[in-house]
Protein backbone atom coordinates (compact mmCIF):
# COMPACT_ATOMS: atom_id res chain seq x y z
CA UNK A 1 37.46 75.52 -38.66
CA UNK A 2 41.06 76.45 -36.87
CA UNK A 3 44.56 76.50 -38.75
CA UNK A 4 45.74 73.83 -36.70
CA UNK A 5 42.54 71.79 -36.97
CA UNK A 6 42.79 72.37 -40.91
CA UNK A 7 46.36 70.33 -40.46
CA UNK A 8 46.54 68.13 -37.88
CA UNK A 9 42.85 67.01 -38.71
CA UNK A 10 42.77 64.49 -35.50
CA UNK A 11 44.89 66.25 -32.72
CA UNK A 12 46.93 69.23 -31.31
CA UNK A 13 50.32 68.85 -31.32
CA UNK A 14 51.02 72.22 -29.24
CA UNK A 15 50.28 72.82 -25.23
CA UNK A 16 46.92 72.24 -23.80
CA UNK A 17 45.25 73.57 -20.20
CA UNK A 18 46.25 70.79 -17.88
CA UNK A 19 43.37 68.49 -16.09
CA UNK A 20 43.62 70.75 -12.98
CA UNK A 21 42.90 74.04 -15.04
CA UNK A 22 40.21 71.79 -17.26
CA UNK A 23 38.36 71.27 -14.27
CA UNK A 24 38.23 74.55 -12.54
CA UNK A 25 36.94 76.16 -15.87
CA UNK A 26 33.79 73.44 -15.99
CA UNK A 27 32.59 73.37 -13.13
CA UNK A 28 31.09 77.11 -13.18
CA UNK A 29 29.28 76.13 -16.76
CA UNK A 30 27.83 72.67 -15.13
CA UNK A 31 26.46 74.90 -12.11
CA UNK A 32 25.03 77.40 -14.75
CA UNK A 33 23.60 74.53 -16.83
CA UNK A 34 22.07 73.27 -13.38
CA UNK A 35 20.58 76.36 -11.86
CA UNK A 36 19.03 76.89 -15.75
CA UNK A 37 17.82 72.81 -15.84
CA UNK A 38 15.77 73.92 -12.60
CA UNK A 39 14.54 77.00 -14.45
CA UNK A 40 13.24 74.89 -17.17
CA UNK A 41 11.92 72.19 -15.14
CA UNK A 42 9.82 74.68 -12.81
CA UNK A 43 8.68 75.89 -16.11
CA UNK A 44 7.42 72.65 -17.57
CA UNK A 45 5.96 71.95 -14.22
CA UNK A 46 4.02 75.35 -14.32
CA UNK A 47 3.15 75.71 -17.89
CA UNK A 48 -0.29 74.87 -19.15
CA UNK A 49 0.60 75.06 -22.49
CA UNK A 50 1.24 71.89 -24.89
CA UNK A 51 3.04 73.26 -26.80
CA UNK A 52 5.42 75.11 -24.57
CA UNK A 53 5.92 72.23 -22.33
CA UNK A 54 7.44 69.55 -25.58
CA UNK A 55 9.26 72.60 -26.49
CA UNK A 56 10.99 72.71 -22.38
CA UNK A 57 10.78 68.80 -22.40
CA UNK A 58 12.92 68.52 -25.13
CA UNK A 59 14.97 71.08 -24.39
CA UNK A 60 15.70 69.72 -20.36
CA UNK A 61 16.42 66.64 -22.18
CA UNK A 62 19.43 67.57 -24.17
CA UNK A 63 20.38 69.97 -21.30
CA UNK A 64 20.64 66.61 -19.13
CA UNK A 65 22.81 65.67 -21.55
CA UNK A 66 25.15 68.16 -21.91
CA UNK A 67 25.79 68.16 -17.89
CA UNK A 68 26.79 64.27 -18.23
CA UNK A 69 29.01 65.43 -20.80
CA UNK A 70 30.49 67.83 -18.81
CA UNK A 71 30.79 66.19 -15.65
CA UNK A 72 32.21 63.09 -16.84
CA UNK A 73 34.99 64.77 -18.70
CA UNK A 74 35.69 66.50 -14.55
CA UNK A 75 35.57 62.91 -13.66
CA UNK A 76 38.22 61.86 -16.78
CA UNK A 77 40.35 64.57 -15.21
CA UNK A 78 40.63 63.24 -11.97
CA UNK A 79 38.18 65.95 -10.40
CA UNK A 80 34.83 66.19 -9.15
CA UNK A 81 32.14 67.63 -10.83
CA UNK A 82 29.60 69.99 -9.79
CA UNK A 83 26.48 68.34 -8.52
CA UNK A 84 23.72 70.97 -8.06
CA UNK A 85 22.97 69.51 -4.14
CA UNK A 86 22.95 73.24 -3.31
CA UNK A 87 20.07 74.26 -5.48
CA UNK A 88 16.50 73.48 -4.07
CA UNK A 89 13.79 73.34 -6.56
CA UNK A 90 12.03 75.35 -4.22
CA UNK A 91 14.49 78.33 -5.03
CA UNK A 92 13.74 77.73 -8.62
CA UNK A 93 9.21 77.91 -8.03
CA UNK A 94 9.01 80.94 -9.21
CA UNK A 95 11.42 80.87 -12.05
CA UNK A 96 10.80 83.11 -15.51
CA UNK A 97 10.89 83.37 -18.47
CA UNK A 98 13.23 86.33 -18.18
CA UNK A 99 15.42 84.45 -16.19
CA UNK A 100 16.21 81.52 -18.25
CA UNK A 101 16.34 84.10 -21.15
CA UNK A 102 19.46 85.80 -18.28
CA UNK A 103 20.66 82.08 -17.77
CA UNK A 104 21.58 81.42 -21.62
CA UNK A 105 23.02 84.31 -21.70
CA UNK A 106 25.47 83.80 -18.97
CA UNK A 107 25.81 80.48 -20.85
CA UNK A 108 26.60 81.56 -24.03
CA UNK A 109 29.53 84.07 -22.58
CA UNK A 110 30.65 81.04 -20.16
CA UNK A 111 31.24 78.85 -23.56
CA UNK A 112 32.45 81.79 -25.98
CA UNK A 113 35.14 82.61 -23.09
CA UNK A 114 36.41 78.66 -23.27
CA UNK A 115 37.32 79.26 -27.47
CA UNK A 116 40.18 81.08 -26.12
CA UNK A 117 41.57 78.44 -23.96
CA UNK A 118 43.53 75.50 -25.65
CA UNK A 119 41.47 72.43 -24.45
CA UNK A 120 42.12 69.28 -25.19
CA UNK A 121 40.39 68.35 -28.28
CA UNK A 122 38.08 65.43 -26.65
CA UNK A 123 36.66 68.82 -24.14
CA UNK A 124 37.09 70.90 -27.21
CA UNK A 125 35.17 69.22 -29.33
CA UNK A 126 32.17 68.43 -26.05
CA UNK A 127 32.45 72.04 -25.97
CA UNK A 128 31.58 72.82 -29.42
CA UNK A 129 28.54 70.46 -29.26
CA UNK A 130 27.34 72.03 -26.36
CA UNK A 131 27.66 75.62 -27.92
CA UNK A 132 25.55 73.89 -31.00
CA UNK A 133 22.64 72.63 -28.39
CA UNK A 134 22.61 76.08 -26.28
CA UNK A 135 21.97 77.75 -29.87
CA UNK A 136 19.42 75.38 -30.40
CA UNK A 137 17.52 75.42 -27.31
CA UNK A 138 17.75 79.48 -27.82
CA UNK A 139 15.89 79.19 -30.85
CA UNK A 140 13.48 76.31 -29.68
CA UNK A 141 12.55 78.65 -26.52
CA UNK A 142 12.69 81.63 -28.42
CA UNK A 143 9.38 84.16 -27.05
CA UNK A 144 9.50 82.45 -23.67
CA UNK A 145 11.16 85.61 -22.06
CA UNK A 146 8.10 87.50 -22.76
């Protein structure tokens, strides 16, 4: 918890980034999450291991909610959220655990970069939840890349 969070509890009185900047910063994260979702969908469909399939489906549910939260934030800023319509499931049909691990690393970096930016309180809270969900998903899917 940062000093400003301790002092102000509810909100930040300082300067935060604008709506257009928020849109520009969140859309690449939405794209990465969509790519990850496509990979997890493909792995789940191809999996013959029931336990692995359950873990993948649970991860997908959370990932879809995370994407929705980000899209809602972009929409509330007056922007158009990345939709993923340019991604074809067939492009991910041969997805591997190693691809999932690589996308998770990209996503972790993207989320970590956002901590350096003065987002509005609501956006910071959402990004915090997304980071926690990403760590949880990474732990749940451990061993997938091997």
